[in-house]
Amino acid sequence: MRSAGARGVTLAELLIAMTVLAVAILAVAGMIPTAYTNVTKSGQLTTATALARQMVEMVRAEPTLDAVARYQDLDTAAPETPDWAALNTPEHSGPSAPRRLDRWRQSVLTLPGGRGRVVVTVIPAGVGPNGTPYGRMASVTVTVEYRGGMVGGQQAVLSTYVAE
């Protein structure tokens, strides 16, 4: 008990304050692993999305729809295909970007369990439901998959159309 006019804190008040402070510090420390996991997952998704976008831009930069169609079924799990080899040459990709598919594949493989795939569907020319004619075009879908934590696989999927 304090006497009248005494200043300072008692031992009981000090112990209560230290207990409250310890509980607060433990709560903050408990959030650190969750925050680290979330930052890692976000970074992987950002990388996968950037890689998918990079491949979409490679495909869209092709001069013809026939060149776009050569990207059909490209897969980082099987880079030995003739189209992969042809699209990877400096003659095709330009002297400023030699072996660009190999570099893209290496970037995809930096993700845990990373795999990239391209699906191209060429749509023939025709007439729309309202009678408007349209030219040949291609639907391009790029998927970058990776293992994203304990939940299982994650993926970034980007789709676009390329017209003649």
Protein backbone atom coordinates (compact mmCIF):
# COMPACT_ATOMS: atom_id res chain seq x y z
CA MET A 1 0.00 0.00 0.00
CA ARG A 2 1.12 3.48 -0.71
CA SER A 3 1.22 6.12 1.83
CA ALA A 4 -0.32 9.47 1.08
CA GLY A 5 2.03 11.56 -1.10
CA ALA A 6 4.20 8.59 -2.16
CA ARG A 7 5.34 8.55 -5.78
CA GLY A 8 6.33 5.73 -8.17
CA VAL A 9 4.86 2.36 -8.99
CA THR A 10 4.38 -0.66 -6.89
CA LEU A 11 5.82 -4.07 -7.69
CA ALA A 12 2.34 -5.39 -8.53
CA GLU A 13 1.73 -2.59 -11.06
CA LEU A 14 5.12 -3.25 -12.64
CA LEU A 15 4.40 -6.99 -12.97
CA ILE A 16 0.99 -6.32 -14.56
CA ALA A 17 2.51 -3.86 -17.06
CA MET A 18 5.28 -6.33 -17.98
CA THR A 19 2.73 -9.13 -18.47
CA VAL A 20 0.61 -6.98 -20.80
CA LEU A 21 3.75 -5.98 -22.75
CA ALA A 22 4.90 -9.62 -23.04
CA VAL A 23 1.51 -10.73 -24.36
CA ALA A 24 1.54 -7.92 -26.97
CA ILE A 25 5.08 -8.81 -28.11
CA LEU A 26 4.18 -12.50 -28.42
CA ALA A 27 1.10 -11.62 -30.49
CA VAL A 28 3.18 -9.51 -32.88
CA ALA A 29 5.88 -12.20 -33.07
CA GLY A 30 3.21 -14.78 -33.92
CA MET A 31 2.21 -12.76 -36.99
CA ILE A 32 5.70 -12.75 -38.51
CA PRO A 33 5.61 -16.28 -40.04
CA THR A 34 2.17 -15.60 -41.54
CA ALA A 35 3.33 -12.29 -42.97
CA TYR A 36 6.45 -13.94 -44.44
CA THR A 37 4.34 -16.68 -46.05
CA ASN A 38 1.95 -14.12 -47.54
CA VAL A 39 4.80 -12.03 -48.93
CA THR A 40 6.39 -15.15 -50.48
CA LYS A 41 3.09 -16.26 -52.07
CA SER A 42 2.45 -12.77 -53.41
CA GLY A 43 5.93 -12.63 -54.89
CA GLN A 44 5.45 -15.98 -56.62
CA LEU A 45 2.09 -14.91 -58.07
CA THR A 46 3.61 -11.65 -59.29
CA THR A 47 6.47 -13.53 -60.94
CA ALA A 48 4.11 -16.05 -62.57
CA THR A 49 1.87 -13.27 -63.87
CA ALA A 50 4.84 -11.31 -65.25
CA LEU A 51 6.15 -14.43 -67.00
CA ALA A 52 2.74 -15.19 -68.51
CA ARG A 53 2.51 -11.60 -69.73
CA GLN A 54 6.01 -11.81 -71.18
CA MET A 55 5.01 -14.86 -73.25
CA VAL A 56 1.77 -13.19 -74.37
CA GLU A 57 3.82 -10.23 -75.60
CA MET A 58 6.23 -12.57 -77.44
CA VAL A 59 3.29 -14.21 -79.22
CA ARG A 60 1.59 -10.90 -80.03
CA ALA A 61 4.83 -9.58 -81.53
CA GLU A 62 4.77 -12.25 -84.22
CA PRO A 63 4.30 -10.81 -87.74
CA THR A 64 1.79 -13.38 -89.01
CA LEU A 65 -0.96 -15.59 -87.67
CA ASP A 66 0.91 -18.62 -89.01
CA ALA A 67 3.89 -17.66 -86.83
CA VAL A 68 1.53 -17.30 -83.85
CA ALA A 69 0.18 -20.80 -84.51
CA ARG A 70 3.70 -22.24 -84.08
CA TYR A 71 3.42 -21.50 -80.35
CA GLN A 72 0.68 -24.14 -80.04
CA ASP A 73 1.45 -26.63 -77.27
CA LEU A 74 4.77 -25.07 -76.23
CA ASP A 75 5.55 -26.45 -72.79
CA THR A 76 8.54 -25.83 -70.54
CA ALA A 77 8.39 -29.51 -69.62
CA ALA A 78 9.18 -30.44 -73.26
CA PRO A 79 11.53 -27.88 -74.83
CA GLU A 80 12.85 -30.41 -77.39
CA THR A 81 10.04 -29.88 -79.91
CA PRO A 82 10.85 -28.63 -83.44
CA ASP A 83 8.72 -25.51 -82.95
CA TRP A 84 10.54 -24.67 -79.71
CA ALA A 85 13.88 -24.95 -81.49
CA ALA A 86 12.67 -22.89 -84.47
CA LEU A 87 11.14 -20.13 -82.33
CA ASN A 88 14.28 -19.99 -80.18
CA THR A 89 16.72 -19.17 -83.00
CA PRO A 90 18.19 -15.69 -83.43
CA GLU A 91 16.80 -15.65 -86.98
CA HIS A 92 13.28 -15.87 -85.59
CA SER A 93 13.51 -13.94 -82.35
CA GLY A 94 16.00 -11.38 -83.64
CA PRO A 95 19.66 -10.84 -82.80
CA SER A 96 18.75 -8.73 -79.78
CA ALA A 97 16.82 -11.63 -78.16
CA PRO A 98 18.63 -14.90 -78.90
CA ARG A 99 17.33 -18.00 -77.15
CA ARG A 100 14.44 -16.07 -75.62
CA LEU A 101 12.33 -19.20 -75.08
CA ASP A 102 15.18 -20.84 -73.15
CA ARG A 103 15.51 -17.73 -70.99
CA TRP A 104 11.74 -17.68 -70.43
CA ARG A 105 11.82 -21.38 -69.48
CA GLN A 106 14.66 -20.78 -67.00
CA SER A 107 12.67 -17.97 -65.41
CA VAL A 108 9.58 -20.20 -65.10
CA LEU A 109 11.69 -22.94 -63.52
CA THR A 110 12.80 -20.55 -60.75
CA LEU A 111 9.29 -20.88 -59.33
CA PRO A 112 8.81 -23.94 -57.09
CA GLY A 113 7.57 -26.68 -59.41
CA GLY A 114 7.26 -24.08 -62.18
CA ARG A 115 5.80 -25.00 -65.56
CA GLY A 116 4.70 -22.82 -68.46
CA ARG A 117 2.34 -23.78 -71.29
CA VAL A 118 0.96 -22.02 -74.36
CA VAL A 119 -2.29 -22.99 -76.10
CA VAL A 120 -3.14 -21.40 -79.44
CA THR A 121 -6.45 -21.96 -81.19
CA VAL A 122 -6.74 -20.51 -84.70
CA ILE A 123 -10.28 -19.39 -85.47
CA PRO A 124 -11.11 -19.31 -89.18
CA ALA A 125 -12.60 -16.24 -90.83
CA GLY A 126 -16.35 -16.07 -90.82
CA VAL A 127 -19.45 -13.99 -90.28
CA GLY A 128 -20.67 -13.00 -86.83
CA PRO A 129 -24.24 -13.47 -85.57
CA ASN A 130 -25.12 -9.92 -86.60
CA GLY A 131 -23.81 -10.44 -90.14
CA THR A 132 -20.47 -8.68 -89.60
CA PRO A 133 -17.59 -10.48 -91.30
CA TYR A 134 -14.37 -11.06 -89.39
CA GLY A 135 -10.93 -12.26 -90.43
CA ARG A 136 -8.93 -15.16 -89.16
CA MET A 137 -7.75 -14.80 -85.57
CA ALA A 138 -6.10 -16.84 -82.84
CA SER A 139 -7.00 -17.32 -79.22
CA VAL A 140 -3.83 -17.49 -77.14
CA THR A 141 -3.77 -18.74 -73.54
CA VAL A 142 -0.57 -18.79 -71.49
CA THR A 143 -0.52 -20.67 -68.19
CA VAL A 144 2.30 -20.51 -65.65
CA GLU A 145 1.83 -23.04 -62.85
CA TYR A 146 3.77 -23.45 -59.63
CA ARG A 147 3.48 -25.00 -56.19
CA GLY A 148 2.12 -22.25 -54.00
CA GLY A 149 2.38 -23.44 -50.43
CA MET A 150 0.57 -26.26 -48.70
CA VAL A 151 -2.74 -25.73 -50.49
CA GLY A 152 -1.44 -27.17 -53.76
CA GLY A 153 -0.78 -25.76 -57.17
CA GLN A 154 -1.30 -22.15 -58.11
CA GLN A 155 -1.39 -20.67 -61.58
CA ALA A 156 -1.44 -17.44 -63.51
CA VAL A 157 -3.48 -17.64 -66.72
CA LEU A 158 -3.55 -14.90 -69.33
CA SER A 159 -5.59 -15.03 -72.54
CA THR A 160 -5.65 -12.76 -75.56
CA TYR A 161 -6.70 -12.72 -79.19
CA VAL A 162 -4.40 -12.02 -82.11
CA ALA A 163 -6.05 -10.97 -85.38
CA GLU A 164 -4.68 -11.07 -88.90
